[in-house]
């Protein structure tokens, strides 16, 4: 499972948990005597469905952006391997100097 799939699954799980909690509260028998409860239940169900769709779309967009960033970094590393190696060498020398001073 990829990180984007994990993110999407987590977002969907949170949305489902919220929806389940709200439905549980509204399903209470004590609320059946309130005349507007049926309309409220329908409005909340429709808004929860919209929120679920928005959360799923946001996670898909975030996953797509992460894939694009990874592909761009991969392409750069393949196009400019010596710059990447030089940067890694510079960072290694810097860390070595800093650790050597202790």
PDB file of N, CA and C in Angstrom:
ATOM      1  N   UNK A   1       0.830  -1.176   0.000  1.00  0.00           N
ATOM      2  CA  UNK A   1       0.000   0.000   0.000  1.00  0.00           C
ATOM      3  C   UNK A   1       0.878   1.243   0.000  1.00  0.00           C
ATOM      4  N   UNK A   2       0.574   2.216  -0.847  1.00  0.00           N
ATOM      5  CA  UNK A   2       1.385   3.426  -0.916  1.00  0.00           C
ATOM      6  C   UNK A   2       0.926   4.432   0.123  1.00  0.00           C
ATOM      7  N   UNK A   3       1.719   5.475   0.303  1.00  0.00           N
ATOM      8  CA  UNK A   3       1.378   6.513   1.273  1.00  0.00           C
ATOM      9  C   UNK A   3       0.104   7.235   0.874  1.00  0.00           C
ATOM     10  N   UNK A   4      -0.086   7.465  -0.426  1.00  0.00           N
ATOM     11  CA  UNK A   4      -1.293   8.159  -0.869  1.00  0.00           C
ATOM     12  C   UNK A   4      -2.531   7.302  -0.634  1.00  0.00           C
ATOM     13  N   UNK A   5      -2.403   6.005  -0.799  1.00  0.00           N
ATOM     14  CA  UNK A   5      -3.520   5.109  -0.529  1.00  0.00           C
ATOM     15  C   UNK A   5      -3.834   5.092   0.961  1.00  0.00           C
ATOM     16  N   UNK A   6      -2.780   5.094   1.790  1.00  0.00           N
ATOM     17  CA  UNK A   6      -2.981   5.144   3.238  1.00  0.00           C
ATOM     18  C   UNK A   6      -3.670   6.431   3.649  1.00  0.00           C
ATOM     19  N   UNK A   7      -3.261   7.555   3.044  1.00  0.00           N
ATOM     20  CA  UNK A   7      -3.860   8.848   3.350  1.00  0.00           C
ATOM     21  C   UNK A   7      -5.335   8.864   2.961  1.00  0.00           C
ATOM     22  N   UNK A   8      -5.630   8.365   1.801  1.00  0.00           N
ATOM     23  CA  UNK A   8      -7.016   8.328   1.337  1.00  0.00           C
ATOM     24  C   UNK A   8      -7.859   7.432   2.233  1.00  0.00           C
ATOM     25  N   UNK A   9      -7.326   6.291   2.622  1.00  0.00           N
ATOM     26  CA  UNK A   9      -8.058   5.371   3.500  1.00  0.00           C
ATOM     27  C   UNK A   9      -8.291   6.005   4.868  1.00  0.00           C
ATOM     28  N   UNK A  10      -7.304   6.722   5.384  1.00  0.00           N
ATOM     29  CA  UNK A  10      -7.452   7.372   6.685  1.00  0.00           C
ATOM     30  C   UNK A  10      -8.504   8.479   6.620  1.00  0.00           C
ATOM     31  N   UNK A  11      -8.489   9.269   5.549  1.00  0.00           N
ATOM     32  CA  UNK A  11      -9.480  10.341   5.388  1.00  0.00           C
ATOM     33  C   UNK A  11     -10.881   9.756   5.283  1.00  0.00           C
ATOM     34  N   UNK A  12     -11.020   8.689   4.531  1.00  0.00           N
ATOM     35  CA  UNK A  12     -12.333   8.045   4.404  1.00  0.00           C
ATOM     36  C   UNK A  12     -12.793   7.450   5.733  1.00  0.00           C
ATOM     37  N   UNK A  13     -11.872   6.885   6.484  1.00  0.00           N
ATOM     38  CA  UNK A  13     -12.227   6.296   7.781  1.00  0.00           C
ATOM     39  C   UNK A  13     -12.701   7.365   8.756  1.00  0.00           C
ATOM     40  N   UNK A  14     -12.031   8.516   8.764  1.00  0.00           N
ATOM     41  CA  UNK A  14     -12.438   9.612   9.649  1.00  0.00           C
ATOM     42  C   UNK A  14     -13.817  10.113   9.258  1.00  0.00           C
ATOM     43  N   UNK A  15     -14.054  10.298   7.961  1.00  0.00           N
ATOM     44  CA  UNK A  15     -15.364  10.762   7.498  1.00  0.00           C
ATOM     45  C   UNK A  15     -16.454   9.760   7.874  1.00  0.00           C
ATOM     46  N   UNK A  16     -16.170   8.495   7.720  1.00  0.00           N
ATOM     47  CA  UNK A  16     -17.150   7.467   8.075  1.00  0.00           C
ATOM     48  C   UNK A  16     -17.410   7.429   9.579  1.00  0.00           C
ATOM     49  N   UNK A  17     -16.363   7.631  10.391  1.00  0.00           N
ATOM     50  CA  UNK A  17     -16.541   7.661  11.846  1.00  0.00           C
ATOM     51  C   UNK A  17     -17.433   8.819  12.269  1.00  0.00           C
ATOM     52  N   UNK A  18     -17.194   9.985  11.679  1.00  0.00           N
ATOM     53  CA  UNK A  18     -18.023  11.153  11.993  1.00  0.00           C
ATOM     54  C   UNK A  18     -19.462  10.899  11.576  1.00  0.00           C
ATOM     55  N   UNK A  19     -19.644  10.377  10.378  1.00  0.00           N
ATOM     56  CA  UNK A  19     -20.991  10.094   9.887  1.00  0.00           C
ATOM     57  C   UNK A  19     -21.691   9.084  10.785  1.00  0.00           C
ATOM     58  N   UNK A  20     -20.985   8.076  11.206  1.00  0.00           N
ATOM     59  CA  UNK A  20     -21.571   7.056  12.081  1.00  0.00           C
ATOM     60  C   UNK A  20     -21.977   7.651  13.427  1.00  0.00           C
ATOM     61  N   UNK A  21     -21.124   8.506  13.986  1.00  0.00           N
ATOM     62  CA  UNK A  21     -21.442   9.139  15.265  1.00  0.00           C
ATOM     63  C   UNK A  21     -22.667  10.037  15.153  1.00  0.00           C
ATOM     64  N   UNK A  22     -22.733  10.827  14.102  1.00  0.00           N
ATOM     65  CA  UNK A  22     -23.876  11.728  13.918  1.00  0.00           C
ATOM     66  C   UNK A  22     -25.157  10.923  13.695  1.00  0.00           C
ATOM     67  N   UNK A  23     -25.071   9.893  12.872  1.00  0.00           N
ATOM     68  CA  UNK A  23     -26.252   9.054  12.652  1.00  0.00           C
ATOM     69  C   UNK A  23     -26.697   8.379  13.942  1.00  0.00           C
ATOM     70  N   UNK A  24     -25.744   7.962  14.759  1.00  0.00           N
ATOM     71  CA  UNK A  24     -26.079   7.340  16.037  1.00  0.00           C
ATOM     72  C   UNK A  24     -26.823   8.292  16.953  1.00  0.00           C
ATOM     73  N   UNK A  25     -26.388   9.536  16.990  1.00  0.00           N
ATOM     74  CA  UNK A  25     -27.069  10.527  17.825  1.00  0.00           C
ATOM     75  C   UNK A  25     -28.464  10.793  17.290  1.00  0.00           C
ATOM     76  N   UNK A  26     -28.586  10.945  15.983  1.00  0.00           N
ATOM     77  CA  UNK A  26     -29.885  11.265  15.387  1.00  0.00           C
ATOM     78  C   UNK A  26     -30.831  10.070  15.367  1.00  0.00           C
ATOM     79  N   UNK A  27     -30.316   8.874  15.495  1.00  0.00           N
ATOM     80  CA  UNK A  27     -31.170   7.683  15.473  1.00  0.00           C
ATOM     81  C   UNK A  27     -31.809   7.407  16.831  1.00  0.00           C
ATOM     82  N   UNK A  28     -31.491   8.220  17.800  1.00  0.00           N
ATOM     83  CA  UNK A  28     -32.031   8.024  19.141  1.00  0.00           C
ATOM     84  C   UNK A  28     -33.556   8.072  19.121  1.00  0.00           C
ATOM     85  N   UNK A  29     -34.165   7.142  19.823  1.00  0.00           N
ATOM     86  CA  UNK A  29     -35.637   7.064  19.900  1.00  0.00           C
ATOM     87  C   UNK A  29     -36.224   8.285  20.599  1.00  0.00           C
ATOM     88  N   UNK A  30     -35.446   8.907  21.465  1.00  0.00           N
ATOM     89  CA  UNK A  30     -35.932  10.098  22.165  1.00  0.00           C
ATOM     90  C   UNK A  30     -36.186  11.253  21.194  1.00  0.00           C
ATOM     91  N   UNK A  31     -35.476  11.273  20.083  1.00  0.00           N
ATOM     92  CA  UNK A  31     -35.613  12.361  19.117  1.00  0.00           C
ATOM     93  C   UNK A  31     -36.768  12.159  18.145  1.00  0.00           C
ATOM     94  N   UNK A  32     -37.363  10.978  18.129  1.00  0.00           N
ATOM     95  CA  UNK A  32     -38.472  10.716  17.202  1.00  0.00           C
ATOM     96  C   UNK A  32     -39.684  11.596  17.478  1.00  0.00           C
ATOM     97  N   UNK A  33     -39.800  12.079  18.697  1.00  0.00           N
ATOM     98  CA  UNK A  33     -40.939  12.921  19.033  1.00  0.00           C
ATOM     99  C   UNK A  33     -40.778  14.357  18.523  1.00  0.00           C
ATOM    100  N   UNK A  34     -39.579  14.734  18.132  1.00  0.00           N
ATOM    101  CA  UNK A  34     -39.334  16.084  17.616  1.00  0.00           C
ATOM    102  C   UNK A  34     -39.736  16.105  16.142  1.00  0.00           C
ATOM    103  N   UNK A  35     -40.634  17.026  15.743  1.00  0.00           N
ATOM    104  CA  UNK A  35     -41.174  16.996  14.375  1.00  0.00           C
ATOM    105  C   UNK A  35     -40.142  17.287  13.271  1.00  0.00           C
ATOM    106  N   UNK A  36     -39.137  18.065  13.552  1.00  0.00           N
ATOM    107  CA  UNK A  36     -38.189  18.455  12.500  1.00  0.00           C
ATOM    108  C   UNK A  36     -37.008  17.497  12.374  1.00  0.00           C
ATOM    109  N   UNK A  37     -37.004  16.457  13.152  1.00  0.00           N
ATOM    110  CA  UNK A  37     -35.846  15.555  13.182  1.00  0.00           C
ATOM    111  C   UNK A  37     -35.654  14.812  11.862  1.00  0.00           C
ATOM    112  N   UNK A  38     -36.749  14.425  11.191  1.00  0.00           N
ATOM    113  CA  UNK A  38     -36.623  13.704   9.918  1.00  0.00           C
ATOM    114  C   UNK A  38     -35.968  14.587   8.867  1.00  0.00           C
ATOM    115  N   UNK A  39     -36.375  15.828   8.770  1.00  0.00           N
ATOM    116  CA  UNK A  39     -35.756  16.760   7.817  1.00  0.00           C
ATOM    117  C   UNK A  39     -34.299  17.018   8.182  1.00  0.00           C
ATOM    118  N   UNK A  40     -34.032  17.129   9.470  1.00  0.00           N
ATOM    119  CA  UNK A  40     -32.658  17.339   9.919  1.00  0.00           C
ATOM    120  C   UNK A  40     -31.789  16.144   9.567  1.00  0.00           C
ATOM    121  N   UNK A  41     -32.299  14.943   9.762  1.00  0.00           N
ATOM    122  CA  UNK A  41     -31.551  13.728   9.414  1.00  0.00           C
ATOM    123  C   UNK A  41     -31.219  13.703   7.921  1.00  0.00           C
ATOM    124  N   UNK A  42     -32.189  14.078   7.094  1.00  0.00           N
ATOM    125  CA  UNK A  42     -31.956  14.068   5.644  1.00  0.00           C
ATOM    126  C   UNK A  42     -30.914  15.114   5.251  1.00  0.00           C
ATOM    127  N   UNK A  43     -31.007  16.309   5.835  1.00  0.00           N
ATOM    128  CA  UNK A  43     -30.029  17.365   5.523  1.00  0.00           C
ATOM    129  C   UNK A  43     -28.630  16.950   5.952  1.00  0.00           C
ATOM    130  N   UNK A  44     -28.529  16.362   7.140  1.00  0.00           N
ATOM    131  CA  UNK A  44     -27.209  15.949   7.626  1.00  0.00           C
ATOM    132  C   UNK A  44     -26.656  14.814   6.772  1.00  0.00           C
ATOM    133  N   UNK A  45     -27.497  13.868   6.382  1.00  0.00           N
ATOM    134  CA  UNK A  45     -27.028  12.778   5.523  1.00  0.00           C
ATOM    135  C   UNK A  45     -26.511  13.311   4.192  1.00  0.00           C
ATOM    136  N   UNK A  46     -27.215  14.266   3.605  1.00  0.00           N
ATOM    137  CA  UNK A  46     -26.762  14.814   2.318  1.00  0.00           C
ATOM    138  C   UNK A  46     -25.470  15.604   2.492  1.00  0.00           C
ATOM    139  N   UNK A  47     -25.355  16.364   3.577  1.00  0.00           N
ATOM    140  CA  UNK A  47     -24.127  17.131   3.804  1.00  0.00           C
ATOM    141  C   UNK A  47     -22.949  16.215   4.143  1.00  0.00           C
ATOM    142  N   UNK A  48     -23.222  15.126   4.849  1.00  0.00           N
ATOM    143  CA  UNK A  48     -22.150  14.169   5.122  1.00  0.00           C
ATOM    144  C   UNK A  48     -21.671  13.495   3.836  1.00  0.00           C
ATOM    145  N   UNK A  49     -22.597  13.229   2.925  1.00  0.00           N
ATOM    146  CA  UNK A  49     -22.204  12.639   1.641  1.00  0.00           C
ATOM    147  C   UNK A  49     -21.323  13.617   0.861  1.00  0.00           C
ATOM    148  N   UNK A  50     -21.678  14.887   0.902  1.00  0.00           N
ATOM    149  CA  UNK A  50     -20.855  15.900   0.225  1.00  0.00           C
ATOM    150  C   UNK A  50     -19.485  15.989   0.888  1.00  0.00           C
ATOM    151  N   UNK A  51     -19.453  15.992   2.217  1.00  0.00           N
ATOM    152  CA  UNK A  51     -18.177  16.067   2.932  1.00  0.00           C
ATOM    153  C   UNK A  51     -17.303  14.854   2.620  1.00  0.00           C
ATOM    154  N   UNK A  52     -17.922  13.685   2.511  1.00  0.00           N
ATOM    155  CA  UNK A  52     -17.182  12.474   2.160  1.00  0.00           C
ATOM    156  C   UNK A  52     -16.554  12.609   0.775  1.00  0.00           C
ATOM    157  N   UNK A  53     -17.336  13.107  -0.167  1.00  0.00           N
ATOM    158  CA  UNK A  53     -16.818  13.285  -1.529  1.00  0.00           C
ATOM    159  C   UNK A  53     -15.689  14.304  -1.560  1.00  0.00           C
ATOM    160  N   UNK A  54     -15.856  15.401  -0.831  1.00  0.00           N
ATOM    161  CA  UNK A  54     -14.802  16.421  -0.792  1.00  0.00           C
ATOM    162  C   UNK A  54     -13.519  15.876  -0.173  1.00  0.00           C
ATOM    163  N   UNK A  55     -13.649  15.109   0.903  1.00  0.00           N
ATOM    164  CA  UNK A  55     -12.469  14.524   1.540  1.00  0.00           C
ATOM    165  C   UNK A  55     -11.771  13.547   0.599  1.00  0.00           C
ATOM    166  N   UNK A  56     -12.559  12.757  -0.115  1.00  0.00           N
ATOM    167  CA  UNK A  56     -11.969  11.808  -1.061  1.00  0.00           C
ATOM    168  C   UNK A  56     -11.273  12.543  -2.199  1.00  0.00           C
ATOM    169  N   UNK A  57     -11.882  13.610  -2.683  1.00  0.00           N
ATOM    170  CA  UNK A  57     -11.273  14.379  -3.778  1.00  0.00           C
ATOM    171  C   UNK A  57      -9.993  15.063  -3.310  1.00  0.00           C
ATOM    172  N   UNK A  58     -10.019  15.630  -2.105  1.00  0.00           N
ATOM    173  CA  UNK A  58      -8.814  16.273  -1.566  1.00  0.00           C
ATOM    174  C   UNK A  58      -7.675  15.263  -1.433  1.00  0.00           C
ATOM    175  N   UNK A  59      -7.983  14.073  -0.968  1.00  0.00           N
ATOM    176  CA  UNK A  59      -6.920  13.075  -0.821  1.00  0.00           C
ATOM    177  C   UNK A  59      -6.404  12.619  -2.177  1.00  0.00           C
ATOM    178  N   UNK A  60      -7.296  12.534  -3.174  1.00  0.00           N
ATOM    179  CA  UNK A  60      -6.831  12.175  -4.523  1.00  0.00           C
ATOM    180  C   UNK A  60      -5.920  13.258  -5.095  1.00  0.00           C
ATOM    181  N   UNK A  61      -6.285  14.531  -4.883  1.00  0.00           N
ATOM    182  CA  UNK A  61      -5.465  15.638  -5.379  1.00  0.00           C
ATOM    183  C   UNK A  61      -4.107  15.643  -4.681  1.00  0.00           C
ATOM    184  N   UNK A  62      -4.107  15.456  -3.362  1.00  0.00           N
ATOM    185  CA  UNK A  62      -2.846  15.429  -2.618  1.00  0.00           C
ATOM    186  C   UNK A  62      -1.965  14.271  -3.079  1.00  0.00           C
ATOM    187  N   UNK A  63      -2.568  13.126  -3.315  1.00  0.00           N
ATOM    188  CA  UNK A  63      -1.803  11.969  -3.786  1.00  0.00           C
ATOM    189  C   UNK A  63      -1.221  12.237  -5.169  1.00  0.00           C
ATOM    190  N   UNK A  64      -2.004  12.866  -6.037  1.00  0.00           N
ATOM    191  CA  UNK A  64      -1.519  13.183  -7.385  1.00  0.00           C
ATOM    192  C   UNK A  64      -0.351  14.173  -7.317  1.00  0.00           C
ATOM    193  N   UNK A  65      -0.466  15.194  -6.463  1.00  0.00           N
ATOM    194  CA  UNK A  65       0.622  16.165  -6.319  1.00  0.00           C
ATOM    195  C   UNK A  65       1.878  15.505  -5.765  1.00  0.00           C
ATOM    196  N   UNK A  66       1.718  14.586  -4.831  1.00  0.00           N
ATOM    197  CA  UNK A  66       2.872  13.875  -4.277  1.00  0.00           C
ATOM    198  C   UNK A  66       3.541  13.019  -5.341  1.00  0.00           C
ATOM    199  N   UNK A  67       2.723  12.347  -6.172  1.00  0.00           N
ATOM    200  CA  UNK A  67       3.293  11.542  -7.263  1.00  0.00           C
ATOM    201  C   UNK A  67       4.039  12.426  -8.261  1.00  0.00           C
ATOM    202  N   UNK A  68       3.471  13.583  -8.592  1.00  0.00           N
ATOM    203  CA  UNK A  68       4.125  14.497  -9.532  1.00  0.00           C
ATOM    204  C   UNK A  68       5.449  15.012  -8.967  1.00  0.00           C
ATOM    205  N   UNK A  69       5.467  15.349  -7.670  1.00  0.00           N
ATOM    206  CA  UNK A  69       6.701  15.818  -7.041  1.00  0.00           C
ATOM    207  C   UNK A  69       7.756  14.716  -7.033  1.00  0.00           C
ATOM    208  N   UNK A  70       7.348  13.499  -6.741  1.00  0.00           N
ATOM    209  CA  UNK A  70       8.294  12.375  -6.735  1.00  0.00           C
ATOM    210  C   UNK A  70       8.830  12.111  -8.142  1.00  0.00           C
ATOM    211  N   UNK A  71       7.957  12.196  -9.135  1.00  0.00           N
ATOM    212  CA  UNK A  71       8.401  11.990 -10.515  1.00  0.00           C
ATOM    213  C   UNK A  71       9.357  13.093 -10.963  1.00  0.00           C
ATOM    214  N   UNK A  72       9.081  14.326 -10.551  1.00  0.00           N
ATOM    215  CA  UNK A  72       9.967  15.440 -10.896  1.00  0.00           C
ATOM    216  C   UNK A  72      11.331  15.259 -10.251  1.00  0.00           C
ATOM    217  N   UNK A  73      11.350  14.884  -8.974  1.00  0.00           N
ATOM    218  CA  UNK A  73      12.620  14.657  -8.283  1.00  0.00           C
ATOM    219  C   UNK A  73      13.382  13.496  -8.915  1.00  0.00           C
ATOM    220  N   UNK A  74      12.674  12.450  -9.270  1.00  0.00           N
ATOM    221  CA  UNK A  74      13.298  11.301  -9.910  1.00  0.00           C
ATOM    222  C   UNK A  74      13.897  11.691 -11.265  1.00  0.00           C
ATOM    223  N   UNK A  75      13.142  12.457 -12.035  1.00  0.00           N
ATOM    224  CA  UNK A  75      13.639  12.888 -13.346  1.00  0.00           C
ATOM    225  C   UNK A  75      14.871  13.773 -13.184  1.00  0.00           C
ATOM    226  N   UNK A  76      14.851  14.667 -12.206  1.00  0.00           N
ATOM    227  CA  UNK A  76      16.004  15.540 -11.980  1.00  0.00           C
ATOM    228  C   UNK A  76      17.222  14.723 -11.570  1.00  0.00           C
ATOM    229  N   UNK A  77      17.020  13.755 -10.699  1.00  0.00           N
ATOM    230  CA  UNK A  77      18.139  12.920 -10.250  1.00  0.00           C
ATOM    231  C   UNK A  77      18.727  12.116 -11.406  1.00  0.00           C
ATOM    232  N   UNK A  78      17.880  11.696 -12.341  1.00  0.00           N
ATOM    233  CA  UNK A  78      18.388  10.956 -13.493  1.00  0.00           C
ATOM    234  C   UNK A  78      19.029  11.876 -14.526  1.00  0.00           C
ATOM    235  N   UNK A  79      18.517  13.097 -14.638  1.00  0.00           N
ATOM    236  CA  UNK A  79      19.072  14.037 -15.608  1.00  0.00           C
ATOM    237  C   UNK A  79      20.378  14.666 -15.113  1.00  0.00           C
ATOM    238  N   UNK A  80      20.488  14.891 -13.823  1.00  0.00           N
ATOM    239  CA  UNK A  80      21.647  15.574 -13.244  1.00  0.00           C
ATOM    240  C   UNK A  80      22.261  14.753 -12.097  1.00  0.00           C
ATOM    241  N   UNK A  81      22.774  13.558 -12.382  1.00  0.00           N
ATOM    242  CA  UNK A  81      23.274  12.717 -11.285  1.00  0.00           C
ATOM    243  C   UNK A  81      24.500  13.296 -10.589  1.00  0.00           C
ATOM    244  N   UNK A  82      25.350  14.023 -11.327  1.00  0.00           N
ATOM    245  CA  UNK A  82      26.559  14.556 -10.708  1.00  0.00           C
ATOM    246  C   UNK A  82      26.252  15.704  -9.767  1.00  0.00           C
ATOM    247  N   UNK A  83      25.218  16.471 -10.045  1.00  0.00           N
ATOM    248  CA  UNK A  83      24.833  17.534  -9.113  1.00  0.00           C
ATOM    249  C   UNK A  83      24.292  16.935  -7.820  1.00  0.00           C
ATOM    250  N   UNK A  84      23.526  15.868  -7.948  1.00  0.00           N
ATOM    251  CA  UNK A  84      22.992  15.201  -6.764  1.00  0.00           C
ATOM    252  C   UNK A  84      24.150  14.599  -5.954  1.00  0.00           C
ATOM    253  N   UNK A  85      25.088  13.950  -6.631  1.00  0.00           N
ATOM    254  CA  UNK A  85      26.236  13.353  -5.941  1.00  0.00           C
ATOM    255  C   UNK A  85      27.079  14.435  -5.268  1.00  0.00           C
ATOM    256  N   UNK A  86      27.272  15.564  -5.946  1.00  0.00           N
ATOM    257  CA  UNK A  86      28.033  16.674  -5.368  1.00  0.00           C
ATOM    258  C   UNK A  86      27.350  17.254  -4.147  1.00  0.00           C
ATOM    259  N   UNK A  87      26.045  17.410  -4.212  1.00  0.00           N
ATOM    260  CA  UNK A  87      25.303  17.936  -3.065  1.00  0.00           C
ATOM    261  C   UNK A  87      25.383  16.961  -1.893  1.00  0.00           C
ATOM    262  N   UNK A  88      25.263  15.679  -2.174  1.00  0.00           N
ATOM    263  CA  UNK A  88      25.358  14.675  -1.115  1.00  0.00           C
ATOM    264  C   UNK A  88      26.759  14.679  -0.503  1.00  0.00           C
ATOM    265  N   UNK A  89      27.782  14.829  -1.327  1.00  0.00           N
ATOM    266  CA  UNK A  89      29.155  14.896  -0.833  1.00  0.00           C
ATOM    267  C   UNK A  89      29.342  16.119   0.051  1.00  0.00           C
ATOM    268  N   UNK A  90      28.819  17.261  -0.380  1.00  0.00           N
ATOM    269  CA  UNK A  90      28.943  18.492   0.405  1.00  0.00           C
ATOM    270  C   UNK A  90      28.254  18.349   1.760  1.00  0.00           C
ATOM    271  N   UNK A  91      27.083  17.779   1.767  1.00  0.00           N
ATOM    272  CA  UNK A  91      26.367  17.575   3.027  1.00  0.00           C
ATOM    273  C   UNK A  91      27.145  16.613   3.918  1.00  0.00           C
ATOM    274  N   UNK A  92      27.687  15.561   3.338  1.00  0.00           N
ATOM    275  CA  UNK A  92      28.476  14.601   4.115  1.00  0.00           C
ATOM    276  C   UNK A  92      29.716  15.231   4.720  1.00  0.00           C
ATOM    277  N   UNK A  93      30.415  16.070   3.946  1.00  0.00           N
ATOM    278  CA  UNK A  93      31.603  16.743   4.462  1.00  0.00           C
ATOM    279  C   UNK A  93      31.227  17.701   5.590  1.00  0.00           C
ATOM    280  N   UNK A  94      30.145  18.428   5.406  1.00  0.00           N
ATOM    281  CA  UNK A  94      29.694  19.362   6.428  1.00  0.00           C
ATOM    282  C   UNK A  94      29.323  18.645   7.721  1.00  0.00           C
ATOM    283  N   UNK A  95      28.585  17.555   7.623  1.00  0.00           N
ATOM    284  CA  UNK A  95      28.224  16.787   8.806  1.00  0.00           C
ATOM    285  C   UNK A  95      29.482  16.206   9.454  1.00  0.00           C
ATOM    286  N   UNK A  96      30.409  15.734   8.645  1.00  0.00           N
ATOM    287  CA  UNK A  96      31.655  15.184   9.174  1.00  0.00           C
ATOM    288  C   UNK A  96      32.466  16.237   9.920  1.00  0.00           C
ATOM    289  N   UNK A  97      32.517  17.449   9.376  1.00  0.00           N
ATOM    290  CA  UNK A  97      33.242  18.537  10.055  1.00  0.00           C
ATOM    291  C   UNK A  97      32.578  18.907  11.380  1.00  0.00           C
ATOM    292  N   UNK A  98      31.266  18.989  11.347  1.00  0.00           N
ATOM    293  CA  UNK A  98      30.539  19.335  12.562  1.00  0.00           C
ATOM    294  C   UNK A  98      30.690  18.266  13.647  1.00  0.00           C
ATOM    295  N   UNK A  99      30.657  17.002  13.253  1.00  0.00           N
ATOM    296  CA  UNK A  99      30.817  15.922  14.225  1.00  0.00           C
ATOM    297  C   UNK A  99      32.259  15.803  14.685  1.00  0.00           C
ATOM    298  N   UNK A 100      33.201  16.158  13.819  1.00  0.00           N
ATOM    299  CA  UNK A 100      34.623  16.078  14.166  1.00  0.00           C
ATOM    300  C   UNK A 100      35.050  17.133  15.169  1.00  0.00           C
ATOM    301  N   UNK A 101      34.325  18.228  15.259  1.00  0.00           N
ATOM    302  CA  UNK A 101      34.672  19.288  16.195  1.00  0.00           C
ATOM    303  C   UNK A 101      34.296  18.945  17.620  1.00  0.00           C
ATOM    304  N   UNK A 102      33.455  17.971  17.830  1.00  0.00           N
ATOM    305  CA  UNK A 102      33.026  17.626  19.195  1.00  0.00           C
ATOM    306  C   UNK A 102      34.111  16.911  19.876  1.00  0.00           C
TER     307      UNK A 102
END
